[in-house]
């Protein structure tokens, strides 16, 4: 997968943080993996499915 970096555009969202408090409150749900584990899992999945991104 080719990666390209450019300057920020006027409407770009620089940071996104999900508020999962309602899911926790309504469904008694909490994440079962850490952010580090989740990022590694996503990276591993993407690298093993490269053809989907070509």
PDB file of N, CA and C in Angstrom:
ATOM      1  N   UNK A   1       0.851  -1.169   0.000  1.00  0.00           N
ATOM      2  CA  UNK A   1       0.000   0.000   0.000  1.00  0.00           C
ATOM      3  C   UNK A   1       0.893   1.227   0.000  1.00  0.00           C
ATOM      4  N   UNK A   2       0.639   2.124  -0.893  1.00  0.00           N
ATOM      5  CA  UNK A   2       1.417   3.347  -0.959  1.00  0.00           C
ATOM      6  C   UNK A   2       0.840   4.360   0.016  1.00  0.00           C
ATOM      7  N   UNK A   3       1.698   5.010   0.758  1.00  0.00           N
ATOM      8  CA  UNK A   3       1.258   6.015   1.726  1.00  0.00           C
ATOM      9  C   UNK A   3       1.756   7.369   1.271  1.00  0.00           C
ATOM     10  N   UNK A   4       0.913   8.371   1.374  1.00  0.00           N
ATOM     11  CA  UNK A   4       1.255   9.714   0.960  1.00  0.00           C
ATOM     12  C   UNK A   4       0.919  10.677   2.091  1.00  0.00           C
ATOM     13  N   UNK A   5       1.774  11.647   2.330  1.00  0.00           N
ATOM     14  CA  UNK A   5       1.531  12.653   3.353  1.00  0.00           C
ATOM     15  C   UNK A   5       1.490  14.025   2.699  1.00  0.00           C
ATOM     16  N   UNK A   6       0.557  14.845   3.138  1.00  0.00           N
ATOM     17  CA  UNK A   6       0.421  16.208   2.625  1.00  0.00           C
ATOM     18  C   UNK A   6       0.121  17.136   3.790  1.00  0.00           C
ATOM     19  N   UNK A   7       0.037  18.421   3.483  1.00  0.00           N
ATOM     20  CA  UNK A   7      -0.335  19.388   4.508  1.00  0.00           C
ATOM     21  C   UNK A   7      -1.781  19.151   4.930  1.00  0.00           C
ATOM     22  N   UNK A   8      -2.120  19.613   6.132  1.00  0.00           N
ATOM     23  CA  UNK A   8      -3.493  19.524   6.619  1.00  0.00           C
ATOM     24  C   UNK A   8      -4.397  20.350   5.728  1.00  0.00           C
ATOM     25  N   UNK A   9      -5.588  19.815   5.492  1.00  0.00           N
ATOM     26  CA  UNK A   9      -6.590  20.570   4.754  1.00  0.00           C
ATOM     27  C   UNK A   9      -7.468  21.295   5.764  1.00  0.00           C
ATOM     28  N   UNK A  10      -8.177  22.363   5.352  1.00  0.00           N
ATOM     29  CA  UNK A  10      -8.966  23.152   6.314  1.00  0.00           C
ATOM     30  C   UNK A  10      -9.975  22.332   7.117  1.00  0.00           C
ATOM     31  N   UNK A  11     -10.593  21.318   6.543  1.00  0.00           N
ATOM     32  CA  UNK A  11     -11.613  20.552   7.251  1.00  0.00           C
ATOM     33  C   UNK A  11     -11.126  19.272   7.904  1.00  0.00           C
ATOM     34  N   UNK A  12      -9.822  19.010   7.845  1.00  0.00           N
ATOM     35  CA  UNK A  12      -9.296  17.758   8.400  1.00  0.00           C
ATOM     36  C   UNK A  12      -9.473  17.687   9.910  1.00  0.00           C
ATOM     37  N   UNK A  13      -9.828  16.532  10.373  1.00  0.00           N
ATOM     38  CA  UNK A  13      -9.970  16.269  11.804  1.00  0.00           C
ATOM     39  C   UNK A  13      -8.637  15.714  12.290  1.00  0.00           C
ATOM     40  N   UNK A  14      -7.950  16.450  13.138  1.00  0.00           N
ATOM     41  CA  UNK A  14      -6.602  16.057  13.539  1.00  0.00           C
ATOM     42  C   UNK A  14      -6.594  14.991  14.614  1.00  0.00           C
ATOM     43  N   UNK A  15      -7.626  14.945  15.430  1.00  0.00           N
ATOM     44  CA  UNK A  15      -7.695  13.956  16.506  1.00  0.00           C
ATOM     45  C   UNK A  15      -9.127  13.450  16.588  1.00  0.00           C
ATOM     46  N   UNK A  16      -9.289  12.152  16.822  1.00  0.00           N
ATOM     47  CA  UNK A  16     -10.622  11.573  17.034  1.00  0.00           C
ATOM     48  C   UNK A  16     -10.554  10.661  18.240  1.00  0.00           C
ATOM     49  N   UNK A  17     -11.443  10.892  19.176  1.00  0.00           N
ATOM     50  CA  UNK A  17     -11.524  10.047  20.361  1.00  0.00           C
ATOM     51  C   UNK A  17     -12.985   9.637  20.531  1.00  0.00           C
ATOM     52  N   UNK A  18     -13.241   8.332  20.574  1.00  0.00           N
ATOM     53  CA  UNK A  18     -14.607   7.841  20.762  1.00  0.00           C
ATOM     54  C   UNK A  18     -14.993   7.900  22.230  1.00  0.00           C
ATOM     55  N   UNK A  19     -16.207   8.348  22.473  1.00  0.00           N
ATOM     56  CA  UNK A  19     -16.754   8.319  23.826  1.00  0.00           C
ATOM     57  C   UNK A  19     -17.610   7.055  23.931  1.00  0.00           C
ATOM     58  N   UNK A  20     -17.102   6.047  24.627  1.00  0.00           N
ATOM     59  CA  UNK A  20     -17.809   4.765  24.720  1.00  0.00           C
ATOM     60  C   UNK A  20     -18.594   4.634  26.022  1.00  0.00           C
ATOM     61  N   UNK A  21     -18.758   5.752  26.734  1.00  0.00           N
ATOM     62  CA  UNK A  21     -19.428   5.695  28.036  1.00  0.00           C
ATOM     63  C   UNK A  21     -20.878   5.215  27.913  1.00  0.00           C
ATOM     64  N   UNK A  22     -21.580   5.596  26.840  1.00  0.00           N
ATOM     65  CA  UNK A  22     -22.965   5.154  26.685  1.00  0.00           C
ATOM     66  C   UNK A  22     -23.046   3.646  26.440  1.00  0.00           C
ATOM     67  N   UNK A  23     -22.132   3.104  25.643  1.00  0.00           N
ATOM     68  CA  UNK A  23     -22.093   1.659  25.419  1.00  0.00           C
ATOM     69  C   UNK A  23     -21.821   0.938  26.730  1.00  0.00           C
ATOM     70  N   UNK A  24     -20.935   1.497  27.526  1.00  0.00           N
ATOM     71  CA  UNK A  24     -20.633   0.891  28.831  1.00  0.00           C
ATOM     72  C   UNK A  24     -21.857   0.959  29.751  1.00  0.00           C
ATOM     73  N   UNK A  25     -22.497   2.101  29.778  1.00  0.00           N
ATOM     74  CA  UNK A  25     -23.662   2.293  30.646  1.00  0.00           C
ATOM     75  C   UNK A  25     -24.852   1.445  30.208  1.00  0.00           C
ATOM     76  N   UNK A  26     -25.178   1.466  28.910  1.00  0.00           N
ATOM     77  CA  UNK A  26     -26.377   0.786  28.412  1.00  0.00           C
ATOM     78  C   UNK A  26     -26.193  -0.716  28.210  1.00  0.00           C
ATOM     79  N   UNK A  27     -24.989  -1.125  27.834  1.00  0.00           N
ATOM     80  CA  UNK A  27     -24.761  -2.520  27.479  1.00  0.00           C
ATOM     81  C   UNK A  27     -23.801  -3.239  28.422  1.00  0.00           C
ATOM     82  N   UNK A  28     -23.287  -2.513  29.394  1.00  0.00           N
ATOM     83  CA  UNK A  28     -22.273  -3.058  30.294  1.00  0.00           C
ATOM     84  C   UNK A  28     -21.089  -3.600  29.486  1.00  0.00           C
ATOM     85  N   UNK A  29     -20.733  -2.851  28.432  1.00  0.00           N
ATOM     86  CA  UNK A  29     -19.661  -3.260  27.531  1.00  0.00           C
ATOM     87  C   UNK A  29     -18.405  -2.450  27.815  1.00  0.00           C
ATOM     88  N   UNK A  30     -17.284  -3.109  27.778  1.00  0.00           N
ATOM     89  CA  UNK A  30     -15.979  -2.451  27.887  1.00  0.00           C
ATOM     90  C   UNK A  30     -15.029  -3.132  26.913  1.00  0.00           C
ATOM     91  N   UNK A  31     -14.056  -2.389  26.384  1.00  0.00           N
ATOM     92  CA  UNK A  31     -13.080  -2.996  25.484  1.00  0.00           C
ATOM     93  C   UNK A  31     -12.335  -4.132  26.174  1.00  0.00           C
ATOM     94  N   UNK A  32     -12.017  -5.163  25.412  1.00  0.00           N
ATOM     95  CA  UNK A  32     -11.310  -6.316  25.966  1.00  0.00           C
ATOM     96  C   UNK A  32      -9.831  -6.340  25.599  1.00  0.00           C
ATOM     97  N   UNK A  33      -9.406  -5.409  24.757  1.00  0.00           N
ATOM     98  CA  UNK A  33      -7.993  -5.321  24.374  1.00  0.00           C
ATOM     99  C   UNK A  33      -7.517  -3.889  24.609  1.00  0.00           C
ATOM    100  N   UNK A  34      -6.230  -3.742  24.848  1.00  0.00           N
ATOM    101  CA  UNK A  34      -5.664  -2.407  25.041  1.00  0.00           C
ATOM    102  C   UNK A  34      -5.520  -1.713  23.690  1.00  0.00           C
ATOM    103  N   UNK A  35      -5.287  -0.416  23.736  1.00  0.00           N
ATOM    104  CA  UNK A  35      -5.057   0.341  22.507  1.00  0.00           C
ATOM    105  C   UNK A  35      -3.852  -0.245  21.774  1.00  0.00           C
ATOM    106  N   UNK A  36      -2.791  -0.538  22.494  1.00  0.00           N
ATOM    107  CA  UNK A  36      -1.580  -1.101  21.871  1.00  0.00           C
ATOM    108  C   UNK A  36      -1.890  -2.416  21.173  1.00  0.00           C
ATOM    109  N   UNK A  37      -2.629  -3.314  21.851  1.00  0.00           N
ATOM    110  CA  UNK A  37      -2.979  -4.606  21.241  1.00  0.00           C
ATOM    111  C   UNK A  37      -3.873  -4.408  20.018  1.00  0.00           C
ATOM    112  N   UNK A  38      -4.812  -3.470  20.131  1.00  0.00           N
ATOM    113  CA  UNK A  38      -5.720  -3.202  19.018  1.00  0.00           C
ATOM    114  C   UNK A  38      -4.995  -2.674  17.796  1.00  0.00           C
ATOM    115  N   UNK A  39      -4.064  -1.745  18.016  1.00  0.00           N
ATOM    116  CA  UNK A  39      -3.293  -1.203  16.901  1.00  0.00           C
ATOM    117  C   UNK A  39      -2.433  -2.281  16.256  1.00  0.00           C
ATOM    118  N   UNK A  40      -1.833  -3.132  17.060  1.00  0.00           N
ATOM    119  CA  UNK A  40      -1.012  -4.218  16.518  1.00  0.00           C
ATOM    120  C   UNK A  40      -1.882  -5.194  15.729  1.00  0.00           C
ATOM    121  N   UNK A  41      -3.051  -5.524  16.279  1.00  0.00           N
ATOM    122  CA  UNK A  41      -3.958  -6.431  15.573  1.00  0.00           C
ATOM    123  C   UNK A  41      -4.403  -5.857  14.241  1.00  0.00           C
ATOM    124  N   UNK A  42      -4.716  -4.554  14.208  1.00  0.00           N
ATOM    125  CA  UNK A  42      -5.108  -3.912  12.958  1.00  0.00           C
ATOM    126  C   UNK A  42      -3.953  -3.935  11.960  1.00  0.00           C
ATOM    127  N   UNK A  43      -2.758  -3.584  12.420  1.00  0.00           N
ATOM    128  CA  UNK A  43      -1.580  -3.600  11.552  1.00  0.00           C
ATOM    129  C   UNK A  43      -1.345  -5.003  10.985  1.00  0.00           C
ATOM    130  N   UNK A  44      -1.397  -6.013  11.846  1.00  0.00           N
ATOM    131  CA  UNK A  44      -1.176  -7.389  11.399  1.00  0.00           C
ATOM    132  C   UNK A  44      -2.217  -7.810  10.365  1.00  0.00           C
ATOM    133  N   UNK A  45      -3.469  -7.439  10.607  1.00  0.00           N
ATOM    134  CA  UNK A  45      -4.532  -7.813   9.677  1.00  0.00           C
ATOM    135  C   UNK A  45      -4.329  -7.122   8.324  1.00  0.00           C
ATOM    136  N   UNK A  46      -4.045  -5.824   8.348  1.00  0.00           N
ATOM    137  CA  UNK A  46      -3.854  -5.086   7.092  1.00  0.00           C
ATOM    138  C   UNK A  46      -2.673  -5.650   6.316  1.00  0.00           C
ATOM    139  N   UNK A  47      -1.557  -5.924   6.992  1.00  0.00           N
ATOM    140  CA  UNK A  47      -0.387  -6.444   6.276  1.00  0.00           C
ATOM    141  C   UNK A  47      -0.626  -7.854   5.730  1.00  0.00           C
ATOM    142  N   UNK A  48      -1.498  -8.613   6.348  1.00  0.00           N
ATOM    143  CA  UNK A  48      -1.770  -9.960   5.834  1.00  0.00           C
ATOM    144  C   UNK A  48      -2.892  -9.960   4.787  1.00  0.00           C
ATOM    145  N   UNK A  49      -3.525  -8.806   4.561  1.00  0.00           N
ATOM    146  CA  UNK A  49      -4.588  -8.694   3.550  1.00  0.00           C
ATOM    147  C   UNK A  49      -4.291  -7.548   2.587  1.00  0.00           C
ATOM    148  N   UNK A  50      -3.039  -7.394   2.232  1.00  0.00           N
ATOM    149  CA  UNK A  50      -2.611  -6.279   1.377  1.00  0.00           C
ATOM    150  C   UNK A  50      -3.393  -6.199   0.067  1.00  0.00           C
ATOM    151  N   UNK A  51      -3.772  -7.311  -0.499  1.00  0.00           N
ATOM    152  CA  UNK A  51      -4.462  -7.299  -1.788  1.00  0.00           C
ATOM    153  C   UNK A  51      -5.783  -6.536  -1.714  1.00  0.00           C
ATOM    154  N   UNK A  52      -6.374  -6.434  -0.565  1.00  0.00           N
ATOM    155  CA  UNK A  52      -7.623  -5.686  -0.427  1.00  0.00           C
ATOM    156  C   UNK A  52      -7.413  -4.180  -0.609  1.00  0.00           C
ATOM    157  N   UNK A  53      -6.173  -3.732  -0.480  1.00  0.00           N
ATOM    158  CA  UNK A  53      -5.881  -2.304  -0.527  1.00  0.00           C
ATOM    159  C   UNK A  53      -5.155  -1.882  -1.801  1.00  0.00           C
ATOM    160  N   UNK A  54      -5.054  -2.773  -2.750  1.00  0.00           N
ATOM    161  CA  UNK A  54      -4.355  -2.447  -4.008  1.00  0.00           C
ATOM    162  C   UNK A  54      -5.322  -1.958  -5.043  1.00  0.00           C
TER     163      UNK A  54
END
